[in-house]
Protein backbone atom coordinates (compact mmCIF):
# COMPACT_ATOMS: atom_id res chain seq x y z
CA UNK A 1 -27.42 6.75 29.79
CA UNK A 2 -30.08 4.23 30.81
CA UNK A 3 -30.14 3.44 34.51
CA UNK A 4 -29.46 -0.23 35.28
CA UNK A 5 -28.98 -0.35 39.06
CA UNK A 6 -30.47 1.96 41.67
CA UNK A 7 -29.30 1.65 45.27
CA UNK A 8 -31.30 3.98 47.48
CA UNK A 9 -30.83 4.59 51.20
CA UNK A 10 -29.37 1.12 51.73
CA UNK A 11 -28.65 0.30 55.39
CA UNK A 12 -27.33 -3.08 56.51
CA UNK A 13 -26.66 -4.40 60.03
CA UNK A 14 -24.80 -7.43 61.37
CA UNK A 15 -26.08 -9.12 64.51
CA UNK A 16 -23.13 -10.05 66.74
CA UNK A 17 -22.92 -11.70 70.15
CA UNK A 18 -22.18 -8.37 71.83
CA UNK A 19 -24.78 -6.36 69.89
CA UNK A 20 -25.57 -5.01 66.44
CA UNK A 21 -22.95 -3.54 64.10
CA UNK A 22 -24.02 -1.20 61.31
CA UNK A 23 -22.18 -2.18 58.12
CA UNK A 24 -23.82 0.21 55.64
CA UNK A 25 -25.58 3.46 56.42
CA UNK A 26 -27.95 5.15 53.96
CA UNK A 27 -25.97 4.32 50.80
CA UNK A 28 -27.12 5.80 47.46
CA UNK A 29 -25.53 4.67 44.19
CA UNK A 30 -26.61 4.31 40.56
CA UNK A 31 -25.03 2.34 37.72
CA UNK A 32 -25.96 2.90 34.08
CA UNK A 33 -25.79 0.49 31.18
CA UNK A 34 -22.36 0.68 29.57
CA UNK A 35 -20.92 2.41 32.65
CA UNK A 36 -18.15 1.46 35.08
CA UNK A 37 -18.69 2.64 38.65
CA UNK A 38 -15.81 2.19 41.06
CA UNK A 39 -16.28 1.77 44.81
CA UNK A 40 -13.08 2.59 46.66
CA UNK A 41 -12.02 2.80 50.29
CA UNK A 42 -9.92 1.13 52.94
CA UNK A 43 -10.50 -2.39 54.26
CA UNK A 44 -13.62 -2.41 56.41
CA UNK A 45 -15.16 0.58 54.66
CA UNK A 46 -18.18 -1.45 53.46
CA UNK A 47 -17.18 -1.99 49.82
CA UNK A 48 -17.56 -5.76 49.78
CA UNK A 49 -20.76 -5.69 51.84
CA UNK A 50 -22.26 -3.34 49.26
CA UNK A 51 -21.15 -5.55 46.35
CA UNK A 52 -22.40 -8.76 47.93
CA UNK A 53 -25.74 -7.23 48.85
CA UNK A 54 -26.56 -6.78 45.15
CA UNK A 55 -26.29 -10.54 44.57
CA UNK A 56 -27.70 -11.67 47.93
CA UNK A 57 -24.47 -13.13 49.27
CA UNK A 58 -24.64 -11.63 52.75
CA UNK A 59 -23.94 -13.74 55.84
CA UNK A 60 -26.89 -15.23 57.73
CA UNK A 61 -26.43 -12.82 60.64
CA UNK A 62 -26.60 -9.79 58.32
CA UNK A 63 -29.89 -8.08 57.50
CA UNK A 64 -31.08 -5.23 55.30
CA UNK A 65 -32.95 -2.86 57.58
CA UNK A 66 -33.39 0.16 55.32
CA UNK A 67 -33.48 1.25 51.70
CA UNK A 68 -33.58 -0.86 48.55
CA UNK A 69 -31.76 -2.12 45.47
CA UNK A 70 -33.45 -2.23 42.07
CA UNK A 71 -32.15 -3.86 38.89
CA UNK A 72 -33.65 -2.76 35.57
CA UNK A 73 -36.57 -1.26 37.46
CA UNK A 74 -37.33 -4.35 39.57
CA UNK A 75 -36.78 -4.19 43.32
CA UNK A 76 -34.56 -7.10 44.33
CA UNK A 77 -33.48 -6.08 47.85
CA UNK A 78 -35.37 -4.28 50.64
CA UNK A 79 -36.13 -5.01 54.30
CA UNK A 80 -37.72 -8.46 54.30
CA UNK A 81 -37.32 -8.75 50.51
CA UNK A 82 -34.66 -10.78 48.69
CA UNK A 83 -35.28 -11.57 45.03
CA UNK A 84 -31.60 -11.86 44.15
CA UNK A 85 -31.98 -15.58 43.47
CA UNK A 86 -33.82 -14.64 40.27
CA UNK A 87 -30.93 -12.59 38.91
CA UNK A 88 -27.77 -14.11 40.40
CA UNK A 89 -25.80 -15.86 37.67
CA UNK A 90 -28.19 -14.72 34.94
CA UNK A 91 -28.72 -10.95 34.97
CA UNK A 92 -25.85 -10.41 37.42
CA UNK A 93 -22.41 -12.03 37.27
CA UNK A 94 -19.75 -11.77 39.96
CA UNK A 95 -15.95 -11.99 39.86
CA UNK A 96 -14.32 -12.65 43.22
CA UNK A 97 -10.91 -11.63 44.56
CA UNK A 98 -9.11 -14.94 44.18
CA UNK A 99 -9.85 -16.89 41.01
CA UNK A 100 -8.30 -20.01 42.54
CA UNK A 101 -11.03 -20.10 45.18
CA UNK A 102 -13.85 -19.73 42.65
CA UNK A 103 -12.51 -22.55 40.45
CA UNK A 104 -12.76 -26.20 41.46
CA UNK A 105 -9.24 -27.66 41.10
CA UNK A 106 -10.73 -31.05 40.13
CA UNK A 107 -12.73 -29.67 37.20
CA UNK A 108 -11.49 -28.60 33.79
CA UNK A 109 -12.43 -25.14 32.52
CA UNK A 110 -14.85 -26.78 30.07
CA UNK A 111 -16.77 -28.36 32.97
CA UNK A 112 -16.93 -25.05 34.89
CA UNK A 113 -18.49 -23.23 31.94
CA UNK A 114 -20.86 -26.10 31.16
CA UNK A 115 -22.08 -26.17 34.76
CA UNK A 116 -22.85 -22.45 34.77
CA UNK A 117 -24.64 -22.60 31.42
CA UNK A 118 -26.74 -25.65 32.34
CA UNK A 119 -27.74 -24.07 35.63
CA UNK A 120 -28.77 -20.69 34.24
CA UNK A 121 -29.73 -21.21 30.57
CA UNK A 122 -32.78 -23.41 30.34
CA UNK A 123 -32.73 -26.09 27.66
CA UNK A 124 -29.29 -25.23 26.31
CA UNK A 125 -27.89 -27.94 24.04
CA UNK A 126 -24.46 -29.58 24.21
CA UNK A 127 -23.47 -27.92 20.93
CA UNK A 128 -24.51 -24.49 22.22
CA UNK A 129 -22.55 -25.05 25.42
CA UNK A 130 -19.43 -25.79 23.38
CA UNK A 131 -20.00 -22.79 21.11
CA UNK A 132 -20.67 -20.39 23.98
CA UNK A 133 -17.67 -21.70 25.93
CA UNK A 134 -15.26 -21.09 23.06
CA UNK A 135 -16.90 -17.74 22.31
CA UNK A 136 -16.58 -16.42 25.86
CA UNK A 137 -12.92 -17.43 26.18
CA UNK A 138 -12.20 -15.63 22.91
CA UNK A 139 -13.99 -12.58 24.35
CA UNK A 140 -11.53 -12.86 27.24
CA UNK A 141 -8.74 -12.39 24.65
CA UNK A 142 -7.62 -16.01 25.12
CA UNK A 143 -6.13 -17.07 21.79
CA UNK A 144 -5.85 -20.82 22.52
CA UNK A 145 -9.40 -21.31 23.80
CA UNK A 146 -9.51 -25.06 23.02
CA UNK A 147 -6.40 -25.75 25.11
CA UNK A 148 -7.70 -23.67 28.00
CA UNK A 149 -11.08 -25.43 27.91
CA UNK A 150 -9.30 -28.75 28.44
CA UNK A 151 -7.04 -27.44 31.21
CA UNK A 152 -7.36 -27.70 34.98
CA UNK A 153 -7.04 -24.41 36.91
CA UNK A 154 -3.56 -25.29 38.25
CA UNK A 155 -2.31 -25.64 34.67
CA UNK A 156 -3.07 -21.97 33.97
CA UNK A 157 -1.23 -18.81 34.98
CA UNK A 158 -2.81 -16.47 37.52
CA UNK A 159 -3.79 -14.07 34.76
CA UNK A 160 -5.45 -16.82 32.72
CA UNK A 161 -7.32 -18.11 35.77
CA UNK A 162 -8.69 -14.64 36.38
CA UNK A 163 -9.77 -14.34 32.75
CA UNK A 164 -11.57 -17.67 33.06
CA UNK A 165 -13.27 -16.41 36.24
CA UNK A 166 -14.42 -13.31 34.36
CA UNK A 167 -15.62 -15.55 31.54
CA UNK A 168 -17.71 -17.55 34.01
CA UNK A 169 -19.31 -14.30 35.15
CA UNK A 170 -20.27 -13.14 31.65
CA UNK A 171 -20.99 -16.41 29.81
CA UNK A 172 -24.72 -16.11 30.62
CA UNK A 173 -24.70 -12.59 29.12
CA UNK A 174 -25.67 -10.65 32.25
CA UNK A 175 -26.54 -6.97 32.22
CA UNK A 176 -24.44 -6.29 35.34
CA UNK A 177 -21.05 -7.61 36.45
CA UNK A 178 -19.64 -7.07 39.93
CA UNK A 179 -15.87 -7.33 40.35
CA UNK A 180 -14.82 -7.49 44.00
CA UNK A 181 -11.08 -6.76 44.40
CA UNK A 182 -10.47 -9.17 41.53
CA UNK A 183 -7.06 -7.73 40.60
CA UNK A 184 -5.53 -7.77 44.09
CA UNK A 185 -3.59 -11.03 43.71
CA UNK A 186 -2.22 -10.15 40.24
CA UNK A 187 1.04 -8.50 39.26
CA UNK A 188 0.92 -4.97 37.86
CA UNK A 189 1.21 -6.00 34.20
CA UNK A 190 -1.60 -8.55 34.53
CA UNK A 191 -3.74 -6.03 36.43
CA UNK A 192 -3.43 -3.63 33.52
CA UNK A 193 -4.50 -6.33 31.05
CA UNK A 194 -7.53 -7.24 33.19
CA UNK A 195 -8.56 -3.59 33.42
CA UNK A 196 -8.27 -3.25 29.63
CA UNK A 197 -10.38 -6.41 29.26
CA UNK A 198 -13.11 -5.05 31.53
CA UNK A 199 -13.19 -1.77 29.63
CA UNK A 200 -13.56 -3.55 26.30
CA UNK A 201 -16.31 -5.82 27.66
CA UNK A 202 -18.29 -2.84 28.92
CA UNK A 203 -17.90 -1.00 25.63
CA UNK A 204 -18.64 -4.03 23.42
CA UNK A 205 -21.46 -5.65 25.44
CA UNK A 206 -23.03 -2.58 27.01
CA UNK A 207 -23.00 -4.13 30.48
CA UNK A 208 -22.81 -2.19 33.71
CA UNK A 209 -19.75 -2.88 35.89
CA UNK A 210 -19.43 -2.33 39.63
CA UNK A 211 -15.68 -2.37 40.27
CA UNK A 212 -14.70 -2.70 43.94
CA UNK A 213 -11.09 -1.85 44.73
CA UNK A 214 -8.76 -0.24 47.24
CA UNK A 215 -6.47 0.82 44.37
CA UNK A 216 -7.33 4.38 43.32
CA UNK A 217 -4.96 4.30 40.37
CA UNK A 218 -6.68 1.25 38.90
CA UNK A 219 -10.02 2.93 39.48
CA UNK A 220 -8.83 6.05 37.67
CA UNK A 221 -7.80 3.94 34.64
CA UNK A 222 -11.09 2.07 34.37
CA UNK A 223 -13.99 3.85 36.00
CA UNK A 224 -16.38 6.46 34.63
CA UNK A 225 -17.57 7.39 38.12
CA UNK A 226 -16.18 6.71 41.59
CA UNK A 227 -17.87 6.38 44.97
CA UNK A 228 -15.61 6.69 48.02
CA UNK A 229 -16.68 4.71 51.09
CA UNK A 230 -15.70 5.18 54.72
CA UNK A 231 -17.24 3.42 57.73
CA UNK A 232 -20.18 2.13 55.74
CA UNK A 233 -21.08 5.43 54.12
CA UNK A 234 -20.51 6.91 50.66
CA UNK A 235 -18.67 10.10 51.61
CA UNK A 236 -18.01 11.34 48.07
CA UNK A 237 -18.96 10.36 44.53
CA UNK A 238 -18.83 11.81 41.06
CA UNK A 239 -16.98 11.56 37.72
CA UNK A 240 -13.71 9.67 38.27
CA UNK A 241 -11.35 12.46 37.25
CA UNK A 242 -13.27 15.03 39.27
CA UNK A 243 -13.15 12.93 42.44
CA UNK A 244 -9.45 12.13 42.04
CA UNK A 245 -8.24 15.52 40.76
CA UNK A 246 -10.44 17.74 42.95
CA UNK A 247 -11.52 15.72 45.99
CA UNK A 248 -13.85 17.60 48.32
CA UNK A 249 -13.69 15.34 51.35
CA UNK A 250 -10.73 15.10 53.71
CA UNK A 251 -11.00 11.29 53.71
CA UNK A 252 -10.61 11.15 49.91
CA UNK A 253 -7.66 13.52 50.12
CA UNK A 254 -6.00 11.26 52.71
CA UNK A 255 -6.51 8.21 50.49
CA UNK A 256 -4.84 10.01 47.61
CA UNK A 257 -1.93 11.17 49.78
CA UNK A 258 -1.35 7.54 50.81
CA UNK A 259 -0.61 6.47 47.22
CA UNK A 260 3.13 5.72 46.90
CA UNK A 261 5.08 8.04 44.63
CA UNK A 262 8.47 7.59 43.01
CA UNK A 263 10.73 10.54 42.25
């Protein structure tokens, strides 16, 4: 499998009024083309900080003070280096937790897609925007793409809004997609459909997917490999079934024991 993303020794610190707080400590993680890597852990474990660092969406008081991130062999993040503006929205797409917050309620879906395409695809024509917009919604398994294009976000179900948000992330044909807790607000049935959609997109398009979640069962359904984070560190990683069936670390074992069971 061809390596797409290499995160090596990444350390990130937040500067607070009462002193510095280390958010990530010496994190190593690779993502291959056509591979789904899950990052799991409790709230505050560093999952979202790791995801946002890849696309340069860290807060102003947060700095990278060790290690690096490379995409397709090009270093995009290191201490004093931030080239994420070159790849954000083009080579890297991101799906956030709440689709409602990433969609402007005053804009139709058509306008959202057109805005992304005009911003990131130089010289794209009006006809190509229309064609790509319909094409990406059909990739999202939306059967009535024309109706959805002419709908406002509030006119769509939560599941459809999330599919549109995923469509916005992939319409520029990126090589990497980052999904940050994007199934949290969905019901179980819709979560399953979104996971199936992600799996088909990875298989069909050959993209890499970084899937951030606190839900180990969802991760087991979707991910090829899993990295478990605790207090800003990757404490365990490996093939998904190996990590979940034979966890080596006590923290991973405690996460698994916390999963509700029905008898």
